[in-house]
């Protein structure tokens, strides 16, 4: 269960590689300190940091692919190094569909951001939990997908809902089967904007 949630914001725009390293190392110390105090392991997403797979997470299209790749590698290495020194276990998890799962299952439920929700799914995956589709979304599955692996089901649903904006899921009732049976709609009235249904 989610006990608490927080973010550790930091800015890397305009920083030198040396400055970025120091900022990231300081944040890594903070992350590991939180885990140590809570007596919990750390779960990280196993990221492919090749240039072709890193889109612009910091917003700057010109410089940030290289910076993102550098920052991701530095952050993971710093957390693992610090954790090893003080005896905190680190798990690296395949992040497939964690953003979609977090967005559809946990973002509204816990009142957290899509990034925090994805992190929660990564932590659950590290603990060995499987993520079933919310009841309403199971109605999207064709019969041949009913018994498929849960990742295949999430891929199918995610592909069908990829144009739906994140805010619509804050307004959704994907666990309310009775409402779905009555209305036949996946989202409550007003949740979808023109760009979601075009």
N, C-alpha and C. Protein backbone atom coordinates (compact mmCIF):
# COMPACT_ATOMS: atom_id res chain seq x y z
N UNK A 1 0.83 -1.20 0.00
CA UNK A 1 0.00 0.00 0.00
C UNK A 1 0.87 1.26 0.00
N UNK A 2 0.34 2.31 -0.56
CA UNK A 2 1.06 3.58 -0.58
C UNK A 2 0.98 4.22 0.79
N UNK A 3 2.12 4.37 1.44
CA UNK A 3 2.17 4.97 2.78
C UNK A 3 2.30 6.49 2.71
N UNK A 4 3.10 6.96 1.78
CA UNK A 4 3.27 8.40 1.60
C UNK A 4 3.88 8.63 0.22
N UNK A 5 3.86 9.88 -0.20
CA UNK A 5 4.40 10.21 -1.52
C UNK A 5 5.04 11.59 -1.47
N UNK A 6 6.16 11.74 -2.15
CA UNK A 6 6.81 13.04 -2.24
C UNK A 6 7.66 13.08 -3.49
N UNK A 7 8.11 14.26 -3.87
CA UNK A 7 9.04 14.42 -4.98
C UNK A 7 10.26 15.18 -4.49
N UNK A 8 11.36 14.97 -5.18
CA UNK A 8 12.60 15.70 -4.88
C UNK A 8 12.98 16.48 -6.13
N UNK A 9 12.43 17.67 -6.30
CA UNK A 9 12.66 18.42 -7.54
C UNK A 9 14.07 19.03 -7.60
N UNK A 10 14.63 19.05 -8.79
CA UNK A 10 15.90 19.73 -9.02
C UNK A 10 15.98 20.12 -10.48
N UNK A 11 16.75 21.16 -10.77
CA UNK A 11 16.86 21.68 -12.13
C UNK A 11 18.26 21.47 -12.66
N UNK A 12 18.33 20.99 -13.90
CA UNK A 12 19.62 20.75 -14.54
C UNK A 12 19.89 21.66 -15.73
N UNK A 13 18.87 22.44 -16.12
CA UNK A 13 19.06 23.31 -17.28
C UNK A 13 20.18 24.32 -17.03
N UNK A 14 21.06 24.45 -18.01
CA UNK A 14 22.12 25.44 -17.93
C UNK A 14 23.28 25.07 -17.04
N UNK A 15 23.28 23.85 -16.51
CA UNK A 15 24.35 23.41 -15.61
C UNK A 15 25.45 22.70 -16.40
N UNK A 16 26.66 22.79 -15.89
CA UNK A 16 27.77 22.04 -16.48
C UNK A 16 27.66 20.58 -16.05
N UNK A 17 28.42 19.71 -16.71
CA UNK A 17 28.37 18.29 -16.35
C UNK A 17 28.82 18.09 -14.91
N UNK A 18 29.81 18.88 -14.48
CA UNK A 18 30.28 18.77 -13.10
C UNK A 18 29.20 19.19 -12.10
N UNK A 19 28.49 20.26 -12.42
CA UNK A 19 27.41 20.72 -11.55
C UNK A 19 26.27 19.71 -11.51
N UNK A 20 25.96 19.15 -12.68
CA UNK A 20 24.90 18.14 -12.74
C UNK A 20 25.26 16.93 -11.87
N UNK A 21 26.50 16.51 -11.95
CA UNK A 21 26.95 15.36 -11.15
C UNK A 21 26.77 15.64 -9.66
N UNK A 22 27.16 16.82 -9.21
CA UNK A 22 27.03 17.16 -7.79
C UNK A 22 25.57 17.22 -7.35
N UNK A 23 24.72 17.81 -8.20
CA UNK A 23 23.29 17.90 -7.88
C UNK A 23 22.68 16.50 -7.76
N UNK A 24 23.00 15.66 -8.74
CA UNK A 24 22.44 14.30 -8.76
C UNK A 24 22.95 13.48 -7.58
N UNK A 25 24.21 13.59 -7.27
CA UNK A 25 24.76 12.85 -6.13
C UNK A 25 24.11 13.27 -4.83
N UNK A 26 23.84 14.57 -4.68
CA UNK A 26 23.17 15.05 -3.47
C UNK A 26 21.75 14.49 -3.37
N UNK A 27 21.05 14.46 -4.51
CA UNK A 27 19.69 13.92 -4.51
C UNK A 27 19.70 12.42 -4.24
N UNK A 28 20.71 11.73 -4.76
CA UNK A 28 20.82 10.28 -4.52
C UNK A 28 21.00 10.00 -3.03
N UNK A 29 21.82 10.82 -2.37
CA UNK A 29 22.00 10.67 -0.92
C UNK A 29 20.66 10.84 -0.21
N UNK A 30 19.87 11.82 -0.66
CA UNK A 30 18.56 12.05 -0.05
C UNK A 30 17.61 10.88 -0.25
N UNK A 31 17.60 10.31 -1.47
CA UNK A 31 16.73 9.17 -1.76
C UNK A 31 17.09 7.97 -0.88
N UNK A 32 18.36 7.68 -0.81
CA UNK A 32 18.81 6.52 -0.03
C UNK A 32 18.56 6.75 1.46
N UNK A 33 18.69 7.97 1.91
CA UNK A 33 18.42 8.29 3.32
C UNK A 33 16.96 8.03 3.66
N UNK A 34 16.05 8.38 2.74
CA UNK A 34 14.63 8.11 2.95
C UNK A 34 14.38 6.61 3.07
N UNK A 35 15.00 5.83 2.17
CA UNK A 35 14.83 4.38 2.19
C UNK A 35 15.39 3.78 3.47
N UNK A 36 16.54 4.27 3.90
CA UNK A 36 17.17 3.75 5.12
C UNK A 36 16.30 4.04 6.34
N UNK A 37 15.78 5.25 6.43
CA UNK A 37 14.94 5.64 7.57
C UNK A 37 13.66 4.81 7.60
N UNK A 38 13.10 4.52 6.43
CA UNK A 38 11.86 3.74 6.34
C UNK A 38 12.11 2.24 6.41
N UNK A 39 13.38 1.84 6.37
CA UNK A 39 13.75 0.43 6.35
C UNK A 39 13.12 -0.29 5.16
N UNK A 40 13.23 0.36 3.98
CA UNK A 40 12.66 -0.18 2.75
C UNK A 40 13.74 -0.24 1.67
N UNK A 41 13.58 -1.16 0.70
CA UNK A 41 14.49 -1.17 -0.45
C UNK A 41 14.11 -0.06 -1.43
N UNK A 42 14.93 0.12 -2.45
CA UNK A 42 14.67 1.09 -3.50
C UNK A 42 14.38 0.33 -4.79
N UNK A 43 13.36 0.77 -5.51
CA UNK A 43 13.04 0.18 -6.82
C UNK A 43 13.28 1.23 -7.89
N UNK A 44 14.12 0.91 -8.85
CA UNK A 44 14.43 1.80 -9.96
C UNK A 44 13.92 1.19 -11.25
N UNK A 45 13.54 2.04 -12.20
CA UNK A 45 13.23 1.51 -13.51
C UNK A 45 14.51 1.27 -14.28
N UNK A 46 14.56 0.13 -14.95
CA UNK A 46 15.71 -0.20 -15.79
C UNK A 46 15.54 0.55 -17.10
N UNK A 47 16.33 1.59 -17.30
CA UNK A 47 16.14 2.49 -18.43
C UNK A 47 17.14 2.20 -19.53
N UNK A 48 16.63 2.19 -20.78
CA UNK A 48 17.50 2.13 -21.95
C UNK A 48 17.92 3.56 -22.24
N UNK A 49 19.19 3.89 -22.02
CA UNK A 49 19.64 5.28 -22.12
C UNK A 49 20.34 5.58 -23.44
N UNK A 50 20.05 4.78 -24.47
CA UNK A 50 20.58 5.15 -25.78
C UNK A 50 19.86 6.40 -26.27
N UNK A 51 20.54 7.18 -27.08
CA UNK A 51 19.99 8.46 -27.52
C UNK A 51 18.63 8.30 -28.19
N UNK A 52 18.44 7.24 -28.95
CA UNK A 52 17.19 7.07 -29.69
C UNK A 52 16.01 6.81 -28.78
N UNK A 53 16.27 6.39 -27.53
CA UNK A 53 15.18 6.05 -26.63
C UNK A 53 14.94 7.10 -25.57
N UNK A 54 15.69 8.18 -25.55
CA UNK A 54 15.52 9.22 -24.55
C UNK A 54 14.88 10.43 -25.21
N UNK A 55 13.59 10.65 -24.95
CA UNK A 55 12.92 11.85 -25.45
C UNK A 55 13.17 12.97 -24.47
N UNK A 56 12.68 14.14 -24.72
CA UNK A 56 13.12 15.34 -24.03
C UNK A 56 12.48 15.54 -22.66
N UNK A 57 12.93 14.84 -21.61
CA UNK A 57 12.25 14.92 -20.33
C UNK A 57 12.40 16.27 -19.65
N UNK A 58 13.35 17.07 -20.06
CA UNK A 58 13.55 18.37 -19.42
C UNK A 58 13.07 19.52 -20.29
N UNK A 59 12.47 19.22 -21.44
CA UNK A 59 11.81 20.25 -22.22
C UNK A 59 12.62 20.89 -23.33
N UNK A 60 13.93 20.89 -23.28
CA UNK A 60 14.75 21.56 -24.27
C UNK A 60 15.10 20.57 -25.38
N UNK A 61 14.57 20.77 -26.57
CA UNK A 61 14.73 19.79 -27.64
C UNK A 61 16.16 19.71 -28.17
N UNK A 62 16.91 20.80 -28.09
CA UNK A 62 18.24 20.82 -28.70
C UNK A 62 19.29 20.10 -27.86
N UNK A 63 19.32 20.38 -26.57
CA UNK A 63 20.44 19.91 -25.75
C UNK A 63 20.11 18.72 -24.87
N UNK A 64 18.84 18.45 -24.63
CA UNK A 64 18.51 17.59 -23.51
C UNK A 64 18.52 16.10 -23.78
N UNK A 65 18.64 15.66 -25.01
CA UNK A 65 18.79 14.21 -25.21
C UNK A 65 20.10 13.73 -24.59
N UNK A 66 21.17 14.45 -24.89
CA UNK A 66 22.46 14.06 -24.31
C UNK A 66 22.45 14.26 -22.80
N UNK A 67 21.86 15.37 -22.34
CA UNK A 67 21.83 15.65 -20.91
C UNK A 67 20.98 14.62 -20.19
N UNK A 68 19.86 14.22 -20.79
CA UNK A 68 18.99 13.23 -20.17
C UNK A 68 19.70 11.90 -20.03
N UNK A 69 20.38 11.48 -21.10
CA UNK A 69 21.11 10.23 -21.07
C UNK A 69 22.19 10.27 -19.99
N UNK A 70 22.92 11.38 -19.92
CA UNK A 70 23.96 11.57 -18.92
C UNK A 70 23.36 11.57 -17.52
N UNK A 71 22.24 12.31 -17.33
CA UNK A 71 21.61 12.43 -16.02
C UNK A 71 21.05 11.10 -15.53
N UNK A 72 20.38 10.35 -16.43
CA UNK A 72 19.81 9.06 -16.05
C UNK A 72 20.90 8.11 -15.56
N UNK A 73 21.96 8.03 -16.34
CA UNK A 73 23.06 7.14 -15.96
C UNK A 73 23.67 7.56 -14.64
N UNK A 74 23.86 8.85 -14.47
CA UNK A 74 24.45 9.36 -13.23
C UNK A 74 23.55 9.09 -12.03
N UNK A 75 22.25 9.33 -12.20
CA UNK A 75 21.32 9.15 -11.09
C UNK A 75 21.28 7.69 -10.64
N UNK A 76 21.14 6.78 -11.60
CA UNK A 76 21.08 5.36 -11.26
C UNK A 76 22.38 4.91 -10.60
N UNK A 77 23.51 5.31 -11.17
CA UNK A 77 24.81 4.92 -10.61
C UNK A 77 24.99 5.49 -9.21
N UNK A 78 24.58 6.74 -9.01
CA UNK A 78 24.75 7.39 -7.71
C UNK A 78 23.89 6.73 -6.64
N UNK A 79 22.65 6.40 -6.97
CA UNK A 79 21.77 5.75 -6.01
C UNK A 79 22.30 4.36 -5.66
N UNK A 80 22.70 3.60 -6.68
CA UNK A 80 23.20 2.25 -6.43
C UNK A 80 24.48 2.27 -5.60
N UNK A 81 25.36 3.22 -5.91
CA UNK A 81 26.62 3.34 -5.16
C UNK A 81 26.38 3.70 -3.70
N UNK A 82 25.54 4.71 -3.48
CA UNK A 82 25.24 5.14 -2.12
C UNK A 82 24.51 4.04 -1.34
N UNK A 83 23.56 3.38 -2.00
CA UNK A 83 22.79 2.33 -1.34
C UNK A 83 23.69 1.17 -0.92
N UNK A 84 24.62 0.81 -1.79
CA UNK A 84 25.53 -0.29 -1.47
C UNK A 84 26.39 0.05 -0.26
N UNK A 85 26.81 1.30 -0.17
CA UNK A 85 27.68 1.71 0.95
C UNK A 85 26.99 1.59 2.30
N UNK A 86 25.69 1.85 2.34
CA UNK A 86 25.01 1.84 3.64
C UNK A 86 24.02 0.68 3.79
N UNK A 87 24.07 -0.26 2.85
CA UNK A 87 23.30 -1.49 3.02
C UNK A 87 21.83 -1.42 2.67
N UNK A 88 21.46 -0.59 1.70
CA UNK A 88 20.07 -0.52 1.23
C UNK A 88 19.96 -1.31 -0.07
N UNK A 89 19.02 -2.21 -0.15
CA UNK A 89 18.83 -3.04 -1.34
C UNK A 89 18.20 -2.22 -2.47
N UNK A 90 18.67 -2.45 -3.70
CA UNK A 90 18.15 -1.77 -4.87
C UNK A 90 17.68 -2.81 -5.89
N UNK A 91 16.45 -2.64 -6.37
CA UNK A 91 15.92 -3.48 -7.43
C UNK A 91 15.79 -2.65 -8.69
N UNK A 92 16.18 -3.22 -9.83
CA UNK A 92 15.98 -2.57 -11.12
C UNK A 92 14.88 -3.32 -11.87
N UNK A 93 13.84 -2.59 -12.26
CA UNK A 93 12.62 -3.20 -12.77
C UNK A 93 12.34 -2.76 -14.20
N UNK A 94 11.87 -3.70 -15.02
CA UNK A 94 11.42 -3.36 -16.37
C UNK A 94 10.22 -2.41 -16.25
N UNK A 95 10.31 -1.20 -16.82
CA UNK A 95 9.24 -0.22 -16.61
C UNK A 95 8.09 -0.31 -17.62
N UNK A 96 8.00 -1.41 -18.36
CA UNK A 96 6.98 -1.51 -19.41
C UNK A 96 5.58 -1.22 -18.87
N UNK A 97 4.92 -0.24 -19.49
CA UNK A 97 3.52 0.13 -19.22
C UNK A 97 3.29 0.70 -17.82
N UNK A 98 4.35 1.02 -17.08
CA UNK A 98 4.14 1.53 -15.72
C UNK A 98 3.46 2.90 -15.72
N UNK A 99 3.76 3.74 -16.70
CA UNK A 99 3.09 5.05 -16.76
C UNK A 99 1.61 4.89 -17.05
N UNK A 100 1.28 3.99 -17.99
CA UNK A 100 -0.13 3.78 -18.34
C UNK A 100 -0.89 3.16 -17.17
N UNK A 101 -0.27 2.19 -16.51
CA UNK A 101 -0.92 1.55 -15.37
C UNK A 101 -1.13 2.57 -14.25
N UNK A 102 -0.09 3.34 -13.96
CA UNK A 102 -0.21 4.35 -12.90
C UNK A 102 -1.29 5.36 -13.21
N UNK A 103 -1.33 5.80 -14.47
CA UNK A 103 -2.31 6.81 -14.89
C UNK A 103 -3.74 6.28 -14.75
N UNK A 104 -3.96 5.04 -15.15
CA UNK A 104 -5.31 4.52 -15.19
C UNK A 104 -5.78 3.93 -13.86
N UNK A 105 -4.85 3.45 -13.03
CA UNK A 105 -5.26 2.76 -11.80
C UNK A 105 -5.07 3.57 -10.52
N UNK A 106 -3.97 4.34 -10.46
CA UNK A 106 -3.59 4.89 -9.15
C UNK A 106 -3.53 6.41 -9.08
N UNK A 107 -3.43 7.09 -10.19
CA UNK A 107 -3.28 8.55 -10.18
C UNK A 107 -4.47 9.21 -9.48
N UNK A 108 -5.67 8.90 -9.93
CA UNK A 108 -6.86 9.49 -9.31
C UNK A 108 -7.10 8.92 -7.92
N UNK A 109 -6.90 7.63 -7.78
CA UNK A 109 -7.18 6.96 -6.50
C UNK A 109 -6.42 7.58 -5.34
N UNK A 110 -5.15 7.93 -5.58
CA UNK A 110 -4.33 8.48 -4.50
C UNK A 110 -4.12 9.99 -4.60
N UNK A 111 -4.64 10.60 -5.68
CA UNK A 111 -4.47 12.03 -5.84
C UNK A 111 -3.03 12.43 -6.06
N UNK A 112 -2.31 11.66 -6.86
CA UNK A 112 -0.89 11.92 -7.11
C UNK A 112 -0.67 12.15 -8.60
N UNK A 113 0.54 12.59 -8.95
CA UNK A 113 0.86 12.86 -10.35
C UNK A 113 1.05 11.55 -11.10
N UNK A 114 1.04 11.65 -12.42
CA UNK A 114 1.27 10.46 -13.25
C UNK A 114 2.65 9.88 -13.00
N UNK A 115 3.64 10.74 -12.70
CA UNK A 115 5.00 10.25 -12.45
C UNK A 115 5.08 9.52 -11.12
N UNK A 116 4.41 10.04 -10.11
CA UNK A 116 4.38 9.36 -8.82
C UNK A 116 3.62 8.04 -8.94
N UNK A 117 2.54 8.05 -9.71
CA UNK A 117 1.76 6.83 -9.90
C UNK A 117 2.59 5.76 -10.60
N UNK A 118 3.37 6.17 -11.61
CA UNK A 118 4.23 5.21 -12.31
C UNK A 118 5.29 4.65 -11.35
N UNK A 119 5.82 5.51 -10.49
CA UNK A 119 6.81 5.06 -9.51
C UNK A 119 6.21 4.04 -8.56
N UNK A 120 4.95 4.27 -8.19
CA UNK A 120 4.25 3.34 -7.31
C UNK A 120 4.11 1.97 -7.98
N UNK A 121 3.82 1.96 -9.27
CA UNK A 121 3.70 0.70 -10.01
C UNK A 121 5.05 0.00 -10.08
N UNK A 122 6.12 0.77 -10.27
CA UNK A 122 7.46 0.18 -10.29
C UNK A 122 7.77 -0.49 -8.96
N UNK A 123 7.40 0.18 -7.86
CA UNK A 123 7.63 -0.40 -6.53
C UNK A 123 6.82 -1.68 -6.34
N UNK A 124 5.57 -1.66 -6.78
CA UNK A 124 4.73 -2.85 -6.68
C UNK A 124 5.30 -4.00 -7.52
N UNK A 125 5.81 -3.67 -8.70
CA UNK A 125 6.39 -4.71 -9.56
C UNK A 125 7.63 -5.31 -8.91
N UNK A 126 8.40 -4.49 -8.22
CA UNK A 126 9.58 -5.00 -7.51
C UNK A 126 9.18 -5.98 -6.42
N UNK A 127 7.98 -5.80 -5.88
CA UNK A 127 7.48 -6.68 -4.83
C UNK A 127 6.78 -7.91 -5.39
N UNK A 128 6.69 -7.99 -6.72
CA UNK A 128 6.11 -9.18 -7.35
C UNK A 128 4.63 -9.10 -7.64
N UNK A 129 4.03 -7.91 -7.49
CA UNK A 129 2.59 -7.78 -7.76
C UNK A 129 2.32 -7.67 -9.26
N UNK A 130 1.22 -8.25 -9.69
CA UNK A 130 0.73 -8.09 -11.06
C UNK A 130 -0.37 -7.05 -11.06
N UNK A 131 -0.50 -6.35 -12.17
CA UNK A 131 -1.50 -5.28 -12.26
C UNK A 131 -2.62 -5.68 -13.21
N UNK A 132 -3.78 -5.94 -12.63
CA UNK A 132 -4.95 -6.25 -13.44
C UNK A 132 -5.58 -4.96 -13.97
N UNK A 133 -6.23 -5.07 -15.10
CA UNK A 133 -6.95 -3.92 -15.64
C UNK A 133 -8.10 -3.53 -14.72
N UNK A 134 -8.38 -2.22 -14.59
CA UNK A 134 -9.61 -1.81 -13.89
C UNK A 134 -10.81 -2.48 -14.57
N UNK A 135 -11.83 -2.81 -13.79
CA UNK A 135 -12.98 -3.57 -14.33
C UNK A 135 -13.58 -3.00 -15.59
N UNK A 136 -13.76 -1.69 -15.65
CA UNK A 136 -14.40 -1.09 -16.82
C UNK A 136 -13.55 -1.28 -18.07
N UNK A 137 -12.23 -1.16 -17.92
CA UNK A 137 -11.35 -1.27 -19.09
C UNK A 137 -11.30 -2.70 -19.64
N UNK A 138 -11.63 -3.67 -18.83
CA UNK A 138 -11.65 -5.05 -19.33
C UNK A 138 -12.69 -5.20 -20.44
N UNK A 139 -13.67 -4.32 -20.45
CA UNK A 139 -14.70 -4.38 -21.49
C UNK A 139 -14.13 -4.04 -22.86
N UNK A 140 -12.96 -3.40 -22.90
CA UNK A 140 -12.32 -3.08 -24.17
C UNK A 140 -11.66 -4.29 -24.83
N UNK A 141 -11.38 -5.30 -24.03
CA UNK A 141 -10.62 -6.43 -24.54
C UNK A 141 -11.46 -7.33 -25.43
N UNK A 142 -10.94 -7.70 -26.59
CA UNK A 142 -11.62 -8.71 -27.39
C UNK A 142 -11.51 -10.07 -26.69
N UNK A 143 -12.34 -10.97 -27.05
CA UNK A 143 -12.39 -12.27 -26.36
C UNK A 143 -11.03 -12.97 -26.36
N UNK A 144 -10.29 -12.85 -27.46
CA UNK A 144 -9.00 -13.55 -27.55
C UNK A 144 -7.96 -12.99 -26.59
N UNK A 145 -8.21 -11.78 -26.03
CA UNK A 145 -7.25 -11.15 -25.12
C UNK A 145 -7.57 -11.42 -23.65
N UNK A 146 -8.72 -12.02 -23.37
CA UNK A 146 -9.15 -12.18 -21.98
C UNK A 146 -8.13 -12.96 -21.16
N UNK A 147 -7.58 -14.01 -21.72
CA UNK A 147 -6.62 -14.83 -20.98
C UNK A 147 -5.17 -14.50 -21.26
N UNK A 148 -4.93 -13.40 -21.97
CA UNK A 148 -3.56 -13.02 -22.34
C UNK A 148 -2.79 -12.50 -21.13
N UNK A 149 -1.47 -12.44 -21.26
CA UNK A 149 -0.61 -11.90 -20.20
C UNK A 149 -1.04 -10.46 -19.91
N UNK A 150 -0.95 -10.06 -18.63
CA UNK A 150 -1.45 -8.73 -18.26
C UNK A 150 -0.72 -7.61 -18.99
N UNK A 151 0.55 -7.78 -19.36
CA UNK A 151 1.24 -6.75 -20.13
C UNK A 151 0.63 -6.61 -21.52
N UNK A 152 0.26 -7.74 -22.12
CA UNK A 152 -0.38 -7.70 -23.44
C UNK A 152 -1.72 -6.98 -23.35
N UNK A 153 -2.45 -7.21 -22.28
CA UNK A 153 -3.73 -6.51 -22.09
C UNK A 153 -3.52 -5.02 -21.91
N UNK A 154 -2.52 -4.63 -21.14
CA UNK A 154 -2.23 -3.20 -20.96
C UNK A 154 -1.79 -2.57 -22.27
N UNK A 155 -1.02 -3.29 -23.07
CA UNK A 155 -0.59 -2.76 -24.37
C UNK A 155 -1.80 -2.50 -25.26
N UNK A 156 -2.71 -3.44 -25.28
CA UNK A 156 -3.92 -3.31 -26.11
C UNK A 156 -4.74 -2.10 -25.68
N UNK A 157 -4.99 -1.98 -24.38
CA UNK A 157 -5.80 -0.87 -23.87
C UNK A 157 -5.08 0.46 -24.06
N UNK A 158 -3.78 0.48 -23.79
CA UNK A 158 -3.01 1.72 -23.94
C UNK A 158 -3.04 2.22 -25.37
N UNK A 159 -2.93 1.31 -26.32
CA UNK A 159 -2.97 1.71 -27.74
C UNK A 159 -4.32 2.32 -28.10
N UNK A 160 -5.39 1.81 -27.51
CA UNK A 160 -6.73 2.33 -27.81
C UNK A 160 -7.02 3.65 -27.11
N UNK A 161 -6.32 3.93 -26.02
CA UNK A 161 -6.59 5.15 -25.26
C UNK A 161 -5.44 6.15 -25.32
N UNK A 162 -4.51 5.96 -26.26
CA UNK A 162 -3.31 6.79 -26.28
C UNK A 162 -3.59 8.25 -26.59
N UNK A 163 -4.71 8.56 -27.23
CA UNK A 163 -5.03 9.94 -27.55
C UNK A 163 -5.78 10.66 -26.42
N UNK A 164 -6.14 9.93 -25.38
CA UNK A 164 -6.87 10.52 -24.26
C UNK A 164 -5.89 11.26 -23.35
N UNK A 165 -6.15 12.52 -23.08
CA UNK A 165 -5.27 13.33 -22.25
C UNK A 165 -5.30 12.86 -20.80
N UNK A 166 -4.19 13.11 -20.12
CA UNK A 166 -4.04 12.65 -18.75
C UNK A 166 -5.16 13.17 -17.85
N UNK A 167 -5.56 14.42 -18.04
CA UNK A 167 -6.56 15.01 -17.14
C UNK A 167 -7.88 14.23 -17.18
N UNK A 168 -8.16 13.57 -18.31
CA UNK A 168 -9.42 12.83 -18.42
C UNK A 168 -9.46 11.67 -17.43
N UNK A 169 -8.30 11.12 -17.11
CA UNK A 169 -8.28 10.00 -16.17
C UNK A 169 -8.49 10.46 -14.74
N UNK A 170 -8.19 11.73 -14.46
CA UNK A 170 -8.52 12.28 -13.14
C UNK A 170 -10.03 12.35 -12.95
N UNK A 171 -10.76 12.46 -14.06
CA UNK A 171 -12.21 12.59 -14.00
C UNK A 171 -12.93 11.28 -14.30
N UNK A 172 -12.18 10.22 -14.51
CA UNK A 172 -12.77 8.96 -14.92
C UNK A 172 -13.27 8.15 -13.73
N UNK A 173 -14.10 7.18 -14.02
CA UNK A 173 -14.60 6.24 -13.01
C UNK A 173 -14.41 4.83 -13.55
N UNK A 174 -13.16 4.43 -13.70
CA UNK A 174 -12.85 3.17 -14.37
C UNK A 174 -13.07 1.95 -13.48
N UNK A 175 -13.42 2.17 -12.21
CA UNK A 175 -13.73 1.06 -11.33
C UNK A 175 -15.23 0.95 -11.06
N UNK A 176 -16.01 1.87 -11.60
CA UNK A 176 -17.45 1.90 -11.35
C UNK A 176 -18.17 1.11 -12.45
N UNK A 177 -18.27 -0.19 -12.25
CA UNK A 177 -18.86 -1.07 -13.26
C UNK A 177 -20.35 -0.77 -13.43
N UNK A 178 -21.04 -0.48 -12.33
CA UNK A 178 -22.47 -0.20 -12.42
C UNK A 178 -22.74 1.02 -13.30
N UNK A 179 -21.95 2.08 -13.12
CA UNK A 179 -22.14 3.28 -13.93
C UNK A 179 -21.87 2.97 -15.39
N UNK A 180 -20.83 2.16 -15.65
CA UNK A 180 -20.51 1.80 -17.03
C UNK A 180 -21.65 1.02 -17.68
N UNK A 181 -22.24 0.09 -16.93
CA UNK A 181 -23.34 -0.69 -17.48
C UNK A 181 -24.56 0.19 -17.79
N UNK A 182 -24.74 1.22 -16.98
CA UNK A 182 -25.88 2.11 -17.18
C UNK A 182 -25.67 3.07 -18.35
N UNK A 183 -24.46 3.59 -18.47
CA UNK A 183 -24.20 4.63 -19.47
C UNK A 183 -23.50 4.10 -20.71
N UNK A 184 -22.73 3.01 -20.57
CA UNK A 184 -21.95 2.50 -21.70
C UNK A 184 -20.76 3.38 -22.04
N UNK A 185 -20.39 4.30 -21.15
CA UNK A 185 -19.29 5.23 -21.39
C UNK A 185 -18.13 4.94 -20.45
N UNK A 186 -16.92 5.06 -20.99
CA UNK A 186 -15.73 4.81 -20.17
C UNK A 186 -15.39 5.99 -19.27
N UNK A 187 -15.74 7.20 -19.71
CA UNK A 187 -15.40 8.41 -18.97
C UNK A 187 -16.66 9.18 -18.61
N UNK A 188 -16.62 9.83 -17.47
CA UNK A 188 -17.78 10.61 -17.04
C UNK A 188 -17.97 11.79 -17.97
N UNK A 189 -19.17 12.34 -17.99
CA UNK A 189 -19.50 13.47 -18.85
C UNK A 189 -18.58 14.65 -18.58
N UNK A 190 -18.01 15.20 -19.64
CA UNK A 190 -17.12 16.35 -19.51
C UNK A 190 -15.66 16.01 -19.35
N UNK A 191 -15.33 14.73 -19.20
CA UNK A 191 -13.94 14.34 -19.00
C UNK A 191 -13.12 14.47 -20.27
N UNK A 192 -13.75 14.20 -21.41
CA UNK A 192 -13.03 14.20 -22.67
C UNK A 192 -13.17 15.55 -23.38
N UNK A 193 -12.03 16.09 -23.78
CA UNK A 193 -12.04 17.30 -24.58
C UNK A 193 -12.08 16.95 -26.04
N UNK A 194 -12.11 17.95 -26.93
CA UNK A 194 -12.18 17.70 -28.39
C UNK A 194 -10.97 16.94 -28.91
N UNK A 195 -9.79 17.15 -28.29
CA UNK A 195 -8.60 16.48 -28.77
C UNK A 195 -8.58 15.01 -28.39
N UNK A 196 -9.35 14.65 -27.35
CA UNK A 196 -9.39 13.27 -26.90
C UNK A 196 -10.24 12.38 -27.80
N UNK A 197 -11.20 12.97 -28.46
CA UNK A 197 -12.13 12.17 -29.23
C UNK A 197 -12.03 12.41 -30.73
N UNK A 198 -11.10 13.24 -31.16
CA UNK A 198 -10.97 13.54 -32.58
C UNK A 198 -10.29 12.42 -33.34
